[in-house]
């Protein structure tokens, strides 16, 4: 059984397909992915947002936060 975030992921994908220019929806989609520790897909979503709205600071901040989390994972694996 899918947990709520995984279920939400499915609905976000459908909603974004129906309204691909809705950057707020895509920001939320990325946040849902990040909450599931799916940082790379979240970054891709937010980068797509920046292509549509290059001045959107929220997307830039979310990308940086996700990259930081990925770096923490790498450091933990490498014993840093």
PDB file of N, CA and C in Angstrom:
ATOM      1  N   UNK A   1       0.844  -1.188   0.000  1.00  0.00           N
ATOM      2  CA  UNK A   1       0.000   0.000   0.000  1.00  0.00           C
ATOM      3  C   UNK A   1       0.882   1.241   0.000  1.00  0.00           C
ATOM      4  N   UNK A   2       0.533   2.193  -0.831  1.00  0.00           N
ATOM      5  CA  UNK A   2       1.296   3.429  -0.909  1.00  0.00           C
ATOM      6  C   UNK A   2       1.038   4.294   0.318  1.00  0.00           C
ATOM      7  N   UNK A   3       2.095   4.933   0.811  1.00  0.00           N
ATOM      8  CA  UNK A   3       1.830   5.887   1.880  1.00  0.00           C
ATOM      9  C   UNK A   3       1.286   7.175   1.250  1.00  0.00           C
ATOM     10  N   UNK A   4       0.894   8.092   2.083  1.00  0.00           N
ATOM     11  CA  UNK A   4       0.224   9.303   1.583  1.00  0.00           C
ATOM     12  C   UNK A   4       1.107  10.130   0.657  1.00  0.00           C
ATOM     13  N   UNK A   5       2.384  10.211   0.951  1.00  0.00           N
ATOM     14  CA  UNK A   5       3.273  10.997   0.091  1.00  0.00           C
ATOM     15  C   UNK A   5       3.420  10.357  -1.282  1.00  0.00           C
ATOM     16  N   UNK A   6       3.528   9.031  -1.301  1.00  0.00           N
ATOM     17  CA  UNK A   6       3.627   8.343  -2.590  1.00  0.00           C
ATOM     18  C   UNK A   6       2.334   8.495  -3.375  1.00  0.00           C
ATOM     19  N   UNK A   7       1.226   8.442  -2.675  1.00  0.00           N
ATOM     20  CA  UNK A   7      -0.067   8.648  -3.327  1.00  0.00           C
ATOM     21  C   UNK A   7      -0.160  10.077  -3.857  1.00  0.00           C
ATOM     22  N   UNK A   8       0.298  11.027  -3.057  1.00  0.00           N
ATOM     23  CA  UNK A   8       0.292  12.430  -3.481  1.00  0.00           C
ATOM     24  C   UNK A   8       1.182  12.619  -4.704  1.00  0.00           C
ATOM     25  N   UNK A   9       2.294  11.901  -4.748  1.00  0.00           N
ATOM     26  CA  UNK A   9       3.212  11.986  -5.889  1.00  0.00           C
ATOM     27  C   UNK A   9       2.484  11.652  -7.191  1.00  0.00           C
ATOM     28  N   UNK A  10       1.672  10.628  -7.139  1.00  0.00           N
ATOM     29  CA  UNK A  10       0.883  10.231  -8.313  1.00  0.00           C
ATOM     30  C   UNK A  10      -0.063  11.356  -8.731  1.00  0.00           C
ATOM     31  N   UNK A  11      -0.753  11.933  -7.748  1.00  0.00           N
ATOM     32  CA  UNK A  11      -1.706  13.000  -8.060  1.00  0.00           C
ATOM     33  C   UNK A  11      -1.007  14.264  -8.550  1.00  0.00           C
ATOM     34  N   UNK A  12       0.149  14.579  -7.966  1.00  0.00           N
ATOM     35  CA  UNK A  12       0.902  15.739  -8.448  1.00  0.00           C
ATOM     36  C   UNK A  12       1.307  15.550  -9.904  1.00  0.00           C
ATOM     37  N   UNK A  13       1.762  14.361 -10.253  1.00  0.00           N
ATOM     38  CA  UNK A  13       2.152  14.095 -11.644  1.00  0.00           C
ATOM     39  C   UNK A  13       0.983  14.315 -12.593  1.00  0.00           C
ATOM     40  N   UNK A  14      -0.173  13.825 -12.196  1.00  0.00           N
ATOM     41  CA  UNK A  14      -1.366  14.005 -13.029  1.00  0.00           C
ATOM     42  C   UNK A  14      -1.751  15.481 -13.125  1.00  0.00           C
ATOM     43  N   UNK A  15      -1.692  16.185 -12.002  1.00  0.00           N
ATOM     44  CA  UNK A  15      -2.076  17.597 -11.981  1.00  0.00           C
ATOM     45  C   UNK A  15      -1.114  18.441 -12.809  1.00  0.00           C
ATOM     46  N   UNK A  16       0.177  18.161 -12.710  1.00  0.00           N
ATOM     47  CA  UNK A  16       1.166  18.912 -13.486  1.00  0.00           C
ATOM     48  C   UNK A  16       1.003  18.622 -14.972  1.00  0.00           C
ATOM     49  N   UNK A  17       0.680  17.402 -15.317  1.00  0.00           N
ATOM     50  CA  UNK A  17       0.418  17.074 -16.726  1.00  0.00           C
ATOM     51  C   UNK A  17      -0.772  17.856 -17.258  1.00  0.00           C
ATOM     52  N   UNK A  18      -1.778  18.043 -16.411  1.00  0.00           N
ATOM     53  CA  UNK A  18      -2.979  18.773 -16.819  1.00  0.00           C
ATOM     54  C   UNK A  18      -2.746  20.281 -16.859  1.00  0.00           C
ATOM     55  N   UNK A  19      -1.814  20.786 -16.037  1.00  0.00           N
ATOM     56  CA  UNK A  19      -1.558  22.229 -15.952  1.00  0.00           C
ATOM     57  C   UNK A  19      -0.048  22.470 -15.859  1.00  0.00           C
ATOM     58  N   UNK A  20       0.679  22.235 -16.956  1.00  0.00           N
ATOM     59  CA  UNK A  20       2.143  22.279 -16.913  1.00  0.00           C
ATOM     60  C   UNK A  20       2.747  23.659 -16.647  1.00  0.00           C
ATOM     61  N   UNK A  21       1.956  24.708 -16.756  1.00  0.00           N
ATOM     62  CA  UNK A  21       2.485  26.048 -16.503  1.00  0.00           C
ATOM     63  C   UNK A  21       2.284  26.507 -15.063  1.00  0.00           C
ATOM     64  N   UNK A  22       1.679  25.681 -14.238  1.00  0.00           N
ATOM     65  CA  UNK A  22       1.409  26.040 -12.848  1.00  0.00           C
ATOM     66  C   UNK A  22       2.660  25.779 -12.006  1.00  0.00           C
ATOM     67  N   UNK A  23       3.481  26.828 -11.843  1.00  0.00           N
ATOM     68  CA  UNK A  23       4.741  26.648 -11.127  1.00  0.00           C
ATOM     69  C   UNK A  23       4.525  26.398  -9.635  1.00  0.00           C
ATOM     70  N   UNK A  24       3.471  26.943  -9.059  1.00  0.00           N
ATOM     71  CA  UNK A  24       3.198  26.693  -7.639  1.00  0.00           C
ATOM     72  C   UNK A  24       2.929  25.213  -7.395  1.00  0.00           C
ATOM     73  N   UNK A  25       2.197  24.608  -8.296  1.00  0.00           N
ATOM     74  CA  UNK A  25       1.918  23.179  -8.202  1.00  0.00           C
ATOM     75  C   UNK A  25       3.215  22.377  -8.310  1.00  0.00           C
ATOM     76  N   UNK A  26       4.100  22.811  -9.195  1.00  0.00           N
ATOM     77  CA  UNK A  26       5.372  22.113  -9.361  1.00  0.00           C
ATOM     78  C   UNK A  26       6.278  22.288  -8.145  1.00  0.00           C
ATOM     79  N   UNK A  27       6.228  23.467  -7.528  1.00  0.00           N
ATOM     80  CA  UNK A  27       6.989  23.669  -6.287  1.00  0.00           C
ATOM     81  C   UNK A  27       6.514  22.656  -5.243  1.00  0.00           C
ATOM     82  N   UNK A  28       5.204  22.523  -5.103  1.00  0.00           N
ATOM     83  CA  UNK A  28       4.640  21.567  -4.140  1.00  0.00           C
ATOM     84  C   UNK A  28       5.009  20.135  -4.512  1.00  0.00           C
ATOM     85  N   UNK A  29       4.997  19.840  -5.806  1.00  0.00           N
ATOM     86  CA  UNK A  29       5.376  18.500  -6.263  1.00  0.00           C
ATOM     87  C   UNK A  29       6.812  18.190  -5.828  1.00  0.00           C
ATOM     88  N   UNK A  30       7.695  19.135  -6.035  1.00  0.00           N
ATOM     89  CA  UNK A  30       9.083  18.948  -5.620  1.00  0.00           C
ATOM     90  C   UNK A  30       9.225  18.794  -4.117  1.00  0.00           C
ATOM     91  N   UNK A  31       8.457  19.565  -3.366  1.00  0.00           N
ATOM     92  CA  UNK A  31       8.505  19.452  -1.908  1.00  0.00           C
ATOM     93  C   UNK A  31       8.041  18.070  -1.456  1.00  0.00           C
ATOM     94  N   UNK A  32       7.015  17.562  -2.097  1.00  0.00           N
ATOM     95  CA  UNK A  32       6.539  16.218  -1.769  1.00  0.00           C
ATOM     96  C   UNK A  32       7.637  15.182  -2.043  1.00  0.00           C
ATOM     97  N   UNK A  33       8.325  15.332  -3.153  1.00  0.00           N
ATOM     98  CA  UNK A  33       9.423  14.411  -3.465  1.00  0.00           C
ATOM     99  C   UNK A  33      10.541  14.523  -2.428  1.00  0.00           C
ATOM    100  N   UNK A  34      10.891  15.751  -2.072  1.00  0.00           N
ATOM    101  CA  UNK A  34      11.965  15.958  -1.097  1.00  0.00           C
ATOM    102  C   UNK A  34      11.597  15.365   0.263  1.00  0.00           C
ATOM    103  N   UNK A  35      10.336  15.463   0.641  1.00  0.00           N
ATOM    104  CA  UNK A  35       9.892  14.879   1.910  1.00  0.00           C
ATOM    105  C   UNK A  35      10.058  13.363   1.920  1.00  0.00           C
ATOM    106  N   UNK A  36      10.104  12.773   0.728  1.00  0.00           N
ATOM    107  CA  UNK A  36      10.319  11.326   0.608  1.00  0.00           C
ATOM    108  C   UNK A  36      11.806  10.998   0.421  1.00  0.00           C
ATOM    109  N   UNK A  37      12.656  12.005   0.594  1.00  0.00           N
ATOM    110  CA  UNK A  37      14.101  11.859   0.405  1.00  0.00           C
ATOM    111  C   UNK A  37      14.468  11.619  -1.062  1.00  0.00           C
ATOM    112  N   UNK A  38      13.598  11.991  -1.970  1.00  0.00           N
ATOM    113  CA  UNK A  38      13.849  11.854  -3.410  1.00  0.00           C
ATOM    114  C   UNK A  38      14.364  13.198  -3.922  1.00  0.00           C
ATOM    115  N   UNK A  39      15.607  13.510  -3.515  1.00  0.00           N
ATOM    116  CA  UNK A  39      16.139  14.841  -3.767  1.00  0.00           C
ATOM    117  C   UNK A  39      16.466  15.096  -5.237  1.00  0.00           C
ATOM    118  N   UNK A  40      17.022  14.118  -5.924  1.00  0.00           N
ATOM    119  CA  UNK A  40      17.358  14.344  -7.342  1.00  0.00           C
ATOM    120  C   UNK A  40      16.114  14.625  -8.193  1.00  0.00           C
ATOM    121  N   UNK A  41      15.050  13.823  -8.069  1.00  0.00           N
ATOM    122  CA  UNK A  41      13.829  14.155  -8.821  1.00  0.00           C
ATOM    123  C   UNK A  41      13.246  15.510  -8.412  1.00  0.00           C
ATOM    124  N   UNK A  42      13.343  15.839  -7.128  1.00  0.00           N
ATOM    125  CA  UNK A  42      12.832  17.136  -6.664  1.00  0.00           C
ATOM    126  C   UNK A  42      13.605  18.270  -7.323  1.00  0.00           C
ATOM    127  N   UNK A  43      14.920  18.133  -7.380  1.00  0.00           N
ATOM    128  CA  UNK A  43      15.751  19.161  -8.012  1.00  0.00           C
ATOM    129  C   UNK A  43      15.365  19.322  -9.476  1.00  0.00           C
ATOM    130  N   UNK A  44      15.129  18.219 -10.167  1.00  0.00           N
ATOM    131  CA  UNK A  44      14.718  18.302 -11.578  1.00  0.00           C
ATOM    132  C   UNK A  44      13.413  19.074 -11.733  1.00  0.00           C
ATOM    133  N   UNK A  45      12.464  18.821 -10.839  1.00  0.00           N
ATOM    134  CA  UNK A  45      11.185  19.537 -10.889  1.00  0.00           C
ATOM    135  C   UNK A  45      11.425  21.025 -10.686  1.00  0.00           C
ATOM    136  N   UNK A  46      12.214  21.374  -9.669  1.00  0.00           N
ATOM    137  CA  UNK A  46      12.450  22.789  -9.377  1.00  0.00           C
ATOM    138  C   UNK A  46      13.263  23.472 -10.469  1.00  0.00           C
ATOM    139  N   UNK A  47      14.183  22.738 -11.106  1.00  0.00           N
ATOM    140  CA  UNK A  47      14.916  23.319 -12.235  1.00  0.00           C
ATOM    141  C   UNK A  47      13.967  23.615 -13.386  1.00  0.00           C
ATOM    142  N   UNK A  48      12.988  22.761 -13.578  1.00  0.00           N
ATOM    143  CA  UNK A  48      11.959  23.002 -14.590  1.00  0.00           C
ATOM    144  C   UNK A  48      11.174  24.268 -14.261  1.00  0.00           C
ATOM    145  N   UNK A  49      10.899  24.471 -12.977  1.00  0.00           N
ATOM    146  CA  UNK A  49      10.214  25.694 -12.542  1.00  0.00           C
ATOM    147  C   UNK A  49      11.054  26.911 -12.911  1.00  0.00           C
ATOM    148  N   UNK A  50      12.358  26.836 -12.670  1.00  0.00           N
ATOM    149  CA  UNK A  50      13.226  27.978 -12.966  1.00  0.00           C
ATOM    150  C   UNK A  50      13.298  28.289 -14.453  1.00  0.00           C
ATOM    151  N   UNK A  51      13.133  27.280 -15.286  1.00  0.00           N
ATOM    152  CA  UNK A  51      13.090  27.536 -16.730  1.00  0.00           C
ATOM    153  C   UNK A  51      11.879  28.390 -17.085  1.00  0.00           C
ATOM    154  N   UNK A  52      10.791  28.192 -16.362  1.00  0.00           N
ATOM    155  CA  UNK A  52       9.556  28.944 -16.625  1.00  0.00           C
ATOM    156  C   UNK A  52       9.531  30.274 -15.884  1.00  0.00           C
ATOM    157  N   UNK A  53      10.128  30.288 -14.706  1.00  0.00           N
ATOM    158  CA  UNK A  53      10.108  31.488 -13.854  1.00  0.00           C
ATOM    159  C   UNK A  53      11.504  31.683 -13.256  1.00  0.00           C
ATOM    160  N   UNK A  54      12.449  32.202 -14.056  1.00  0.00           N
ATOM    161  CA  UNK A  54      13.854  32.271 -13.632  1.00  0.00           C
ATOM    162  C   UNK A  54      14.119  33.112 -12.381  1.00  0.00           C
ATOM    163  N   UNK A  55      13.211  33.992 -12.039  1.00  0.00           N
ATOM    164  CA  UNK A  55      13.444  34.845 -10.869  1.00  0.00           C
ATOM    165  C   UNK A  55      12.788  34.305  -9.600  1.00  0.00           C
ATOM    166  N   UNK A  56      12.237  33.134  -9.671  1.00  0.00           N
ATOM    167  CA  UNK A  56      11.537  32.569  -8.510  1.00  0.00           C
ATOM    168  C   UNK A  56      12.550  32.098  -7.464  1.00  0.00           C
ATOM    169  N   UNK A  57      12.698  32.902  -6.429  1.00  0.00           N
ATOM    170  CA  UNK A  57      13.704  32.641  -5.392  1.00  0.00           C
ATOM    171  C   UNK A  57      13.408  31.349  -4.640  1.00  0.00           C
ATOM    172  N   UNK A  58      12.128  31.054  -4.394  1.00  0.00           N
ATOM    173  CA  UNK A  58      11.776  29.836  -3.652  1.00  0.00           C
ATOM    174  C   UNK A  58      12.383  28.601  -4.304  1.00  0.00           C
ATOM    175  N   UNK A  59      12.279  28.511  -5.616  1.00  0.00           N
ATOM    176  CA  UNK A  59      12.808  27.344  -6.324  1.00  0.00           C
ATOM    177  C   UNK A  59      14.315  27.257  -6.147  1.00  0.00           C
ATOM    178  N   UNK A  60      14.994  28.381  -6.250  1.00  0.00           N
ATOM    179  CA  UNK A  60      16.452  28.385  -6.068  1.00  0.00           C
ATOM    180  C   UNK A  60      16.831  27.919  -4.659  1.00  0.00           C
ATOM    181  N   UNK A  61      16.119  28.416  -3.664  1.00  0.00           N
ATOM    182  CA  UNK A  61      16.415  28.035  -2.278  1.00  0.00           C
ATOM    183  C   UNK A  61      16.145  26.552  -2.039  1.00  0.00           C
ATOM    184  N   UNK A  62      15.072  26.049  -2.607  1.00  0.00           N
ATOM    185  CA  UNK A  62      14.747  24.630  -2.446  1.00  0.00           C
ATOM    186  C   UNK A  62      15.797  23.749  -3.114  1.00  0.00           C
ATOM    187  N   UNK A  63      16.271  24.162  -4.277  1.00  0.00           N
ATOM    188  CA  UNK A  63      17.331  23.410  -4.967  1.00  0.00           C
ATOM    189  C   UNK A  63      18.584  23.362  -4.100  1.00  0.00           C
ATOM    190  N   UNK A  64      18.972  24.503  -3.559  1.00  0.00           N
ATOM    191  CA  UNK A  64      20.176  24.543  -2.721  1.00  0.00           C
ATOM    192  C   UNK A  64      20.015  23.671  -1.476  1.00  0.00           C
ATOM    193  N   UNK A  65      18.844  23.702  -0.863  1.00  0.00           N
ATOM    194  CA  UNK A  65      18.600  22.872   0.325  1.00  0.00           C
ATOM    195  C   UNK A  65      18.682  21.386  -0.028  1.00  0.00           C
ATOM    196  N   UNK A  66      18.129  21.002  -1.168  1.00  0.00           N
ATOM    197  CA  UNK A  66      18.169  19.598  -1.592  1.00  0.00           C
ATOM    198  C   UNK A  66      19.601  19.173  -1.914  1.00  0.00           C
ATOM    199  N   UNK A  67      20.361  20.048  -2.556  1.00  0.00           N
ATOM    200  CA  UNK A  67      21.765  19.733  -2.851  1.00  0.00           C
ATOM    201  C   UNK A  67      22.556  19.563  -1.556  1.00  0.00           C
ATOM    202  N   UNK A  68      22.246  20.381  -0.565  1.00  0.00           N
ATOM    203  CA  UNK A  68      22.893  20.263   0.741  1.00  0.00           C
ATOM    204  C   UNK A  68      22.601  18.899   1.367  1.00  0.00           C
ATOM    205  N   UNK A  69      21.348  18.463   1.281  1.00  0.00           N
ATOM    206  CA  UNK A  69      20.974  17.149   1.823  1.00  0.00           C
ATOM    207  C   UNK A  69      21.707  16.026   1.092  1.00  0.00           C
ATOM    208  N   UNK A  70      21.831  16.156  -0.219  1.00  0.00           N
ATOM    209  CA  UNK A  70      22.570  15.143  -0.986  1.00  0.00           C
ATOM    210  C   UNK A  70      24.038  15.114  -0.563  1.00  0.00           C
ATOM    211  N   UNK A  71      24.612  16.290  -0.337  1.00  0.00           N
ATOM    212  CA  UNK A  71      26.010  16.355   0.092  1.00  0.00           C
ATOM    213  C   UNK A  71      26.183  15.728   1.475  1.00  0.00           C
ATOM    214  N   UNK A  72      25.228  15.957   2.373  1.00  0.00           N
ATOM    215  CA  UNK A  72      25.292  15.334   3.701  1.00  0.00           C
ATOM    216  C   UNK A  72      25.282  13.815   3.578  1.00  0.00           C
ATOM    217  N   UNK A  73      24.465  13.301   2.665  1.00  0.00           N
ATOM    218  CA  UNK A  73      24.427  11.843   2.438  1.00  0.00           C
ATOM    219  C   UNK A  73      25.776  11.340   1.953  1.00  0.00           C
ATOM    220  N   UNK A  74      26.339  12.054   0.956  1.00  0.00           N
ATOM    221  CA  UNK A  74      27.640  11.650   0.417  1.00  0.00           C
ATOM    222  C   UNK A  74      28.698  11.639   1.520  1.00  0.00           C
ATOM    223  N   UNK A  75      28.695  12.709   2.316  1.00  0.00           N
ATOM    224  CA  UNK A  75      29.678  12.804   3.392  1.00  0.00           C
ATOM    225  C   UNK A  75      29.516  11.664   4.394  1.00  0.00           C
ATOM    226  N   UNK A  76      28.284  11.306   4.709  1.00  0.00           N
ATOM    227  CA  UNK A  76      28.030  10.212   5.651  1.00  0.00           C
ATOM    228  C   UNK A  76      28.536   8.885   5.086  1.00  0.00           C
ATOM    229  N   UNK A  77      28.316   8.687   3.802  1.00  0.00           N
ATOM    230  CA  UNK A  77      28.767   7.446   3.160  1.00  0.00           C
ATOM    231  C   UNK A  77      30.289   7.375   3.139  1.00  0.00           C
ATOM    232  N   UNK A  78      30.913   8.523   2.869  1.00  0.00           N
ATOM    233  CA  UNK A  78      32.374   8.564   2.779  1.00  0.00           C
ATOM    234  C   UNK A  78      33.044   8.717   4.140  1.00  0.00           C
ATOM    235  N   UNK A  79      32.237   8.862   5.183  1.00  0.00           N
ATOM    236  CA  UNK A  79      32.783   8.979   6.525  1.00  0.00           C
ATOM    237  C   UNK A  79      33.393  10.330   6.831  1.00  0.00           C
ATOM    238  N   UNK A  80      32.881  11.369   6.204  1.00  0.00           N
ATOM    239  CA  UNK A  80      33.414  12.724   6.444  1.00  0.00           C
ATOM    240  C   UNK A  80      32.723  13.376   7.603  1.00  0.00           C
TER     241      UNK A  80
END
